[in-house]
C-alpha atoms as a PDB file:
ATOM      1  CA  MET A   1       8.901 -42.982  63.647  1.00  0.00           C
ATOM      2  CA  HIS A   2       6.431 -46.383  62.493  1.00  0.00           C
ATOM      3  CA  ALA A   3       8.833 -48.701  61.735  1.00  0.00           C
ATOM      4  CA  ASP A   4       6.021 -48.977  58.598  1.00  0.00           C
ATOM      5  CA  GLU A   5       7.900 -49.694  55.379  1.00  0.00           C
ATOM      6  CA  ARG A   6       5.738 -46.784  53.699  1.00  0.00           C
ATOM      7  CA  PHE A   7       6.813 -44.316  56.226  1.00  0.00           C
ATOM      8  CA  VAL A   8      10.466 -45.876  55.925  1.00  0.00           C
ATOM      9  CA  ARG A   9      10.784 -45.140  52.026  1.00  0.00           C
ATOM     10  CA  ALA A  10       8.459 -41.710  51.994  1.00  0.00           C
ATOM     11  CA  ALA A  11      10.655 -39.918  54.652  1.00  0.00           C
ATOM     12  CA  PHE A  12      13.875 -41.611  52.746  1.00  0.00           C
ATOM     13  CA  GLN A  13      12.132 -40.303  48.802  1.00  0.00           C
ATOM     14  CA  ILE A  14      11.850 -36.890  50.834  1.00  0.00           C
ATOM     15  CA  GLY A  15      15.805 -36.618  51.661  1.00  0.00           C
ATOM     16  CA  CYS A  16      15.794 -38.426  54.811  1.00  0.00           C
ATOM     17  CA  ALA A  17      19.419 -39.326  55.601  1.00  0.00           C
ATOM     18  CA  ALA A  18      19.091 -41.635  59.078  1.00  0.00           C
ATOM     19  CA  TYR A  19      15.471 -43.329  60.193  1.00  0.00           C
ATOM     20  CA  VAL A  20      15.362 -44.345  63.720  1.00  0.00           C
ATOM     21  CA  VAL A  21      12.521 -45.372  65.219  1.00  0.00           C
ATOM     22  CA  LYS A  22      10.969 -44.692  69.295  1.00  0.00           C
ATOM     23  CA  GLN A  23      11.865 -48.466  70.730  1.00  0.00           C
ATOM     24  CA  ASP A  24      15.565 -48.078  69.639  1.00  0.00           C
ATOM     25  CA  MET A  25      15.944 -44.328  70.050  1.00  0.00           C
ATOM     26  CA  SER A  26      18.355 -44.623  73.417  1.00  0.00           C
ATOM     27  CA  GLY A  27      20.482 -47.252  72.041  1.00  0.00           C
ATOM     28  CA  GLU A  28      20.744 -45.992  67.831  1.00  0.00           C
ATOM     29  CA  LEU A  29      20.470 -42.250  67.772  1.00  0.00           C
ATOM     30  CA  VAL A  30      24.261 -41.040  68.608  1.00  0.00           C
ATOM     31  CA  ARG A  31      25.250 -44.164  66.091  1.00  0.00           C
ATOM     32  CA  ALA A  32      22.807 -42.631  63.435  1.00  0.00           C
ATOM     33  CA  LEU A  33      24.299 -38.977  63.841  1.00  0.00           C
ATOM     34  CA  THR A  34      27.402 -40.347  63.809  1.00  0.00           C
ATOM     35  CA  GLU A  35      27.260 -42.159  60.286  1.00  0.00           C
ATOM     36  CA  VAL A  36      24.653 -39.156  58.907  1.00  0.00           C
ATOM     37  CA  LEU A  37      27.848 -36.726  60.170  1.00  0.00           C
ATOM     38  CA  ARG A  38      30.090 -38.887  58.178  1.00  0.00           C
ATOM     39  CA  GLY A  39      27.999 -38.857  54.846  1.00  0.00           C
ATOM     40  CA  GLY A  40      26.111 -41.923  55.220  1.00  0.00           C
ATOM     41  CA  THR A  41      22.625 -43.063  55.726  1.00  0.00           C
ATOM     42  CA  TYR A  42      21.408 -44.937  58.732  1.00  0.00           C
ATOM     43  CA  LEU A  43      18.722 -47.690  59.368  1.00  0.00           C
ATOM     44  CA  SER A  44      17.436 -48.646  62.456  1.00  0.00           C
ATOM     45  CA  PRO A  45      17.825 -52.205  63.289  1.00  0.00           C
ATOM     46  CA  THR A  46      13.973 -53.137  64.255  1.00  0.00           C
ATOM     47  CA  VAL A  47      13.229 -51.438  60.604  1.00  0.00           C
ATOM     48  CA  ALA A  48      15.653 -53.061  58.806  1.00  0.00           C
ATOM     49  CA  ARG A  49      15.020 -56.293  60.225  1.00  0.00           C
ATOM     50  CA  SER A  50      11.305 -55.546  59.195  1.00  0.00           C
ATOM     51  CA  MET A  51      12.255 -54.364  55.452  1.00  0.00           C
ATOM     52  CA  ALA A  52      14.588 -57.819  55.219  1.00  0.00           C
ATOM     53  CA  HIS A  53      12.040 -60.364  55.892  1.00  0.00           C
ATOM     54  CA  ARG A  54       9.483 -58.339  53.290  1.00  0.00           C
ATOM     55  CA  ALA A  55      12.115 -58.292  50.778  1.00  0.00           C
ATOM     56  CA  ALA A  56      13.135 -62.093  51.394  1.00  0.00           C
ATOM     57  CA  ALA A  57       9.456 -63.023  50.887  1.00  0.00           C
ATOM     58  CA  PRO A  58       8.326 -64.673  48.216  1.00  0.00           C
ATOM     59  CA  LEU A  59       6.325 -62.158  45.916  1.00  0.00           C
ATOM     60  CA  HIS A  60       3.774 -64.897  45.091  1.00  0.00           C
ATOM     61  CA  PRO A  61       1.984 -67.005  47.497  1.00  0.00           C
ATOM     62  CA  VAL A  62       2.556 -70.751  47.086  1.00  0.00           C
ATOM     63  CA  ALA A  63       0.291 -73.383  48.231  1.00  0.00           C
ATOM     64  CA  LYS A  64       1.448 -76.134  50.518  1.00  0.00           C
ATOM     65  CA  ASN A  65       2.098 -78.737  46.787  1.00  0.00           C
ATOM     66  CA  GLY A  66       4.852 -75.609  45.916  1.00  0.00           C
ATOM     67  CA  ALA A  67       2.228 -74.567  43.330  1.00  0.00           C
ATOM     68  CA  PRO A  68       1.840 -71.106  43.218  1.00  0.00           C
ATOM     69  CA  GLU A  69      -1.658 -70.104  43.840  1.00  0.00           C
END
């Protein structure tokens, strides 16, 4: 699967309970299935990191002098 946030959001919006990207597949698939079987949701670490970085980024670009651009 793609790590692109648009694909992740779309998957969860249509009812997906877990999202695992190919690069995380071997070590994470069992964890994802276990979590879903327990009634939870699961997000691949690669995707979680990417989304966390985007969420922590400033909403508006800031110039070097600290003023909004």
